[in-house]
Amino acid sequence: MDRYDEACEWIAYADNDFEAAQQLATFHPPKIEIICYHCQQSAEKMLKAFLVNVGIIPPKVHDLEEIRNKCEVVDGSFSLLSSESVRLNDYSSQPRYPFGLEISEDDMRLAIKDSERIRNFIKEKILLKT
């Protein structure tokens, strides 16, 4: 499998997380913590897809800022995703355990937007350069 195909595999997994978040957002009441977790997971996989596509083995970490910084070394425009990465970062592990974060529906909506922005930004970089 070449780098592009491998990156597309990462994107497919990221899409699954993003679509799960969107579906869970339709529940009443919405599953806020799980939605935010899937948004973070989607963003993480998208950032790793970019790294794979440029021939860099992605780090085995969940810290979006660390991964985004590696992307920024290759392409300075990744600095534009700093705010989104910072906001999504806490959702990598805290929502999976009781008594972690207090997350509101507004936080959830912002997490979906942030994840979608990262997703679209990276898809443009990878999928339009075929």
C-alpha atoms as a PDB file:
ATOM      1  CA  MET A   1       0.000   0.000   0.000  1.00  0.00           C
ATOM      2  CA  ASP A   2       1.431   3.403  -0.895  1.00  0.00           C
ATOM      3  CA  ARG A   3       1.368   6.462   1.374  1.00  0.00           C
ATOM      4  CA  TYR A   4      -1.692   7.986  -0.269  1.00  0.00           C
ATOM      5  CA  ASP A   5      -3.706   4.766   0.129  1.00  0.00           C
ATOM      6  CA  GLU A   6      -2.611   4.470   3.744  1.00  0.00           C
ATOM      7  CA  ALA A   7      -3.611   8.093   4.382  1.00  0.00           C
ATOM      8  CA  CYS A   8      -7.008   7.349   2.849  1.00  0.00           C
ATOM      9  CA  GLU A   9      -7.416   4.466   5.307  1.00  0.00           C
ATOM     10  CA  TRP A  10      -6.750   6.886   8.189  1.00  0.00           C
ATOM     11  CA  ILE A  11      -9.298   9.278   6.674  1.00  0.00           C
ATOM     12  CA  ALA A  12     -11.916   6.528   6.445  1.00  0.00           C
ATOM     13  CA  TYR A  13     -11.474   5.790  10.158  1.00  0.00           C
ATOM     14  CA  ALA A  14     -11.634   9.505  10.950  1.00  0.00           C
ATOM     15  CA  ASP A  15     -14.831   9.790   8.917  1.00  0.00           C
ATOM     16  CA  ASN A  16     -16.362   6.963  10.968  1.00  0.00           C
ATOM     17  CA  ASP A  17     -15.641   8.839  14.188  1.00  0.00           C
ATOM     18  CA  PHE A  18     -17.000  12.096  12.801  1.00  0.00           C
ATOM     19  CA  GLU A  19     -20.160  10.438  11.487  1.00  0.00           C
ATOM     20  CA  ALA A  20     -20.667   8.699  14.847  1.00  0.00           C
ATOM     21  CA  ALA A  21     -20.429  12.077  16.596  1.00  0.00           C
ATOM     22  CA  GLN A  22     -22.988  13.570  14.238  1.00  0.00           C
ATOM     23  CA  GLN A  23     -25.403  10.664  14.740  1.00  0.00           C
ATOM     24  CA  LEU A  24     -25.027  10.728  18.508  1.00  0.00           C
ATOM     25  CA  ALA A  25     -25.784  14.465  18.451  1.00  0.00           C
ATOM     26  CA  THR A  26     -29.304  13.617  17.256  1.00  0.00           C
ATOM     27  CA  PHE A  27     -30.100  11.642  20.421  1.00  0.00           C
ATOM     28  CA  HIS A  28     -32.255  13.316  23.062  1.00  0.00           C
ATOM     29  CA  PRO A  29     -30.534  14.017  25.301  1.00  0.00           C
ATOM     30  CA  PRO A  30     -27.333  13.976  23.231  1.00  0.00           C
ATOM     31  CA  LYS A  31     -24.447  11.857  24.471  1.00  0.00           C
ATOM     32  CA  ILE A  32     -22.206  14.901  24.946  1.00  0.00           C
ATOM     33  CA  GLU A  33     -19.080  13.244  26.353  1.00  0.00           C
ATOM     34  CA  ILE A  34     -19.058  10.484  23.741  1.00  0.00           C
ATOM     35  CA  ILE A  35     -19.630  13.000  20.944  1.00  0.00           C
ATOM     36  CA  CYS A  36     -16.694  15.132  22.079  1.00  0.00           C
ATOM     37  CA  TYR A  37     -14.518  12.017  22.347  1.00  0.00           C
ATOM     38  CA  HIS A  38     -15.354  11.009  18.767  1.00  0.00           C
ATOM     39  CA  CYS A  39     -14.659  14.559  17.561  1.00  0.00           C
ATOM     40  CA  GLN A  40     -11.198  14.427  19.129  1.00  0.00           C
ATOM     41  CA  GLN A  41     -10.589  10.970  17.675  1.00  0.00           C
ATOM     42  CA  SER A  42     -11.587  12.124  14.197  1.00  0.00           C
ATOM     43  CA  ALA A  43      -9.246  15.121  14.392  1.00  0.00           C
ATOM     44  CA  GLU A  44      -6.396  12.949  15.668  1.00  0.00           C
ATOM     45  CA  LYS A  45      -6.776  10.452  12.823  1.00  0.00           C
ATOM     46  CA  MET A  46      -6.983  13.241  10.239  1.00  0.00           C
ATOM     47  CA  LEU A  47      -3.762  14.825  11.492  1.00  0.00           C
ATOM     48  CA  LYS A  48      -2.086  11.428  11.424  1.00  0.00           C
ATOM     49  CA  ALA A  49      -3.397  10.867   7.888  1.00  0.00           C
ATOM     50  CA  PHE A  50      -1.585  14.010   6.784  1.00  0.00           C
ATOM     51  CA  LEU A  51       1.661  12.819   8.352  1.00  0.00           C
ATOM     52  CA  VAL A  52       1.348   9.403   6.723  1.00  0.00           C
ATOM     53  CA  ASN A  53       0.668  11.039   3.365  1.00  0.00           C
ATOM     54  CA  VAL A  54       3.943  12.993   3.549  1.00  0.00           C
ATOM     55  CA  GLY A  55       5.923   9.939   4.651  1.00  0.00           C
ATOM     56  CA  ILE A  56       6.123  10.553   8.397  1.00  0.00           C
ATOM     57  CA  ILE A  57       5.215   7.815  10.846  1.00  0.00           C
ATOM     58  CA  PRO A  58       2.655   9.377  13.173  1.00  0.00           C
ATOM     59  CA  PRO A  59       3.515   9.433  16.859  1.00  0.00           C
ATOM     60  CA  LYS A  60       1.614   7.043  19.116  1.00  0.00           C
ATOM     61  CA  VAL A  61       0.158   9.866  21.171  1.00  0.00           C
ATOM     62  CA  HIS A  62      -3.275  11.435  21.524  1.00  0.00           C
ATOM     63  CA  ASP A  63      -2.064  15.014  22.058  1.00  0.00           C
ATOM     64  CA  LEU A  64      -3.476  16.948  19.107  1.00  0.00           C
ATOM     65  CA  GLU A  65      -1.098  19.854  19.628  1.00  0.00           C
ATOM     66  CA  GLU A  66       1.912  17.566  19.469  1.00  0.00           C
ATOM     67  CA  ILE A  67       0.627  15.939  16.287  1.00  0.00           C
ATOM     68  CA  ARG A  68      -0.425  19.281  14.773  1.00  0.00           C
ATOM     69  CA  ASN A  69       3.022  20.717  15.507  1.00  0.00           C
ATOM     70  CA  LYS A  70       4.586  17.864  13.511  1.00  0.00           C
ATOM     71  CA  CYS A  71       2.241  18.712  10.640  1.00  0.00           C
ATOM     72  CA  GLU A  72       3.150  22.396  10.930  1.00  0.00           C
ATOM     73  CA  VAL A  73       6.849  21.598  10.473  1.00  0.00           C
ATOM     74  CA  VAL A  74       5.924  20.200   7.042  1.00  0.00           C
ATOM     75  CA  ASP A  75       3.256  22.780   6.185  1.00  0.00           C
ATOM     76  CA  GLY A  76       3.159  26.061   8.091  1.00  0.00           C
ATOM     77  CA  SER A  77      -0.539  26.565   7.380  1.00  0.00           C
ATOM     78  CA  PHE A  78      -1.319  24.013  10.096  1.00  0.00           C
ATOM     79  CA  SER A  79      -0.832  26.881  12.535  1.00  0.00           C
ATOM     80  CA  LEU A  80      -4.378  27.835  11.501  1.00  0.00           C
ATOM     81  CA  LEU A  81      -5.669  24.765  13.360  1.00  0.00           C
ATOM     82  CA  SER A  82      -4.095  25.570  16.708  1.00  0.00           C
ATOM     83  CA  SER A  83      -7.254  26.787  18.457  1.00  0.00           C
ATOM     84  CA  GLU A  84      -9.276  23.795  17.297  1.00  0.00           C
ATOM     85  CA  SER A  85      -6.567  21.362  18.382  1.00  0.00           C
ATOM     86  CA  VAL A  86      -6.263  22.947  21.817  1.00  0.00           C
ATOM     87  CA  ARG A  87     -10.026  22.881  22.393  1.00  0.00           C
ATOM     88  CA  LEU A  88     -10.399  19.240  21.299  1.00  0.00           C
ATOM     89  CA  ASN A  89      -7.338  18.010  23.173  1.00  0.00           C
ATOM     90  CA  ASP A  90      -9.021  17.423  26.549  1.00  0.00           C
ATOM     91  CA  TYR A  91     -11.579  15.121  24.977  1.00  0.00           C
ATOM     92  CA  SER A  92      -9.050  12.367  24.222  1.00  0.00           C
ATOM     93  CA  SER A  93      -9.390  10.671  27.578  1.00  0.00           C
ATOM     94  CA  GLN A  94     -11.345  12.681  30.150  1.00  0.00           C
ATOM     95  CA  PRO A  95     -14.850  12.006  28.742  1.00  0.00           C
ATOM     96  CA  ARG A  96     -14.254   8.264  29.017  1.00  0.00           C
ATOM     97  CA  TYR A  97     -14.210   8.364  32.821  1.00  0.00           C
ATOM     98  CA  PRO A  98     -16.711   9.609  35.397  1.00  0.00           C
ATOM     99  CA  PHE A  99     -16.076  12.877  37.181  1.00  0.00           C
ATOM    100  CA  GLY A 100     -13.795  14.212  34.454  1.00  0.00           C
ATOM    101  CA  LEU A 101     -14.867  17.276  32.518  1.00  0.00           C
ATOM    102  CA  GLU A 102     -18.066  19.217  32.688  1.00  0.00           C
ATOM    103  CA  ILE A 103     -19.072  19.516  29.060  1.00  0.00           C
ATOM    104  CA  SER A 104     -22.113  21.474  27.877  1.00  0.00           C
ATOM    105  CA  GLU A 105     -24.128  21.204  24.680  1.00  0.00           C
ATOM    106  CA  ASP A 106     -22.380  24.383  23.498  1.00  0.00           C
ATOM    107  CA  ASP A 107     -19.024  22.644  24.025  1.00  0.00           C
ATOM    108  CA  MET A 108     -20.336  19.685  22.054  1.00  0.00           C
ATOM    109  CA  ARG A 109     -21.450  21.859  19.126  1.00  0.00           C
ATOM    110  CA  LEU A 110     -18.060  23.595  19.105  1.00  0.00           C
ATOM    111  CA  ALA A 111     -16.275  20.221  19.199  1.00  0.00           C
ATOM    112  CA  ILE A 112     -18.221  19.118  16.120  1.00  0.00           C
ATOM    113  CA  LYS A 113     -17.321  22.379  14.336  1.00  0.00           C
ATOM    114  CA  ASP A 114     -13.651  22.123  15.341  1.00  0.00           C
ATOM    115  CA  SER A 115     -13.432  18.516  14.207  1.00  0.00           C
ATOM    116  CA  GLU A 116     -15.127  19.345  10.924  1.00  0.00           C
ATOM    117  CA  ARG A 117     -12.737  22.241  10.290  1.00  0.00           C
ATOM    118  CA  ILE A 118      -9.698  20.018  10.847  1.00  0.00           C
ATOM    119  CA  ARG A 119     -11.264  17.301   8.704  1.00  0.00           C
ATOM    120  CA  ASN A 120     -12.035  19.614   5.786  1.00  0.00           C
ATOM    121  CA  PHE A 121      -8.664  21.378   5.983  1.00  0.00           C
ATOM    122  CA  ILE A 122      -6.740  18.110   5.750  1.00  0.00           C
ATOM    123  CA  LYS A 123      -9.008  16.508   3.163  1.00  0.00           C
ATOM    124  CA  GLU A 124      -8.298  19.461   0.888  1.00  0.00           C
ATOM    125  CA  LYS A 125      -4.570  18.980   1.357  1.00  0.00           C
ATOM    126  CA  ILE A 126      -4.595  15.226   0.771  1.00  0.00           C
ATOM    127  CA  LEU A 127      -7.511  14.415  -1.505  1.00  0.00           C
ATOM    128  CA  LEU A 128      -7.136  17.340  -3.890  1.00  0.00           C
ATOM    129  CA  LYS A 129      -3.481  16.539  -4.512  1.00  0.00           C
ATOM    130  CA  THR A 130      -4.049  13.183  -6.195  1.00  0.00           C
END
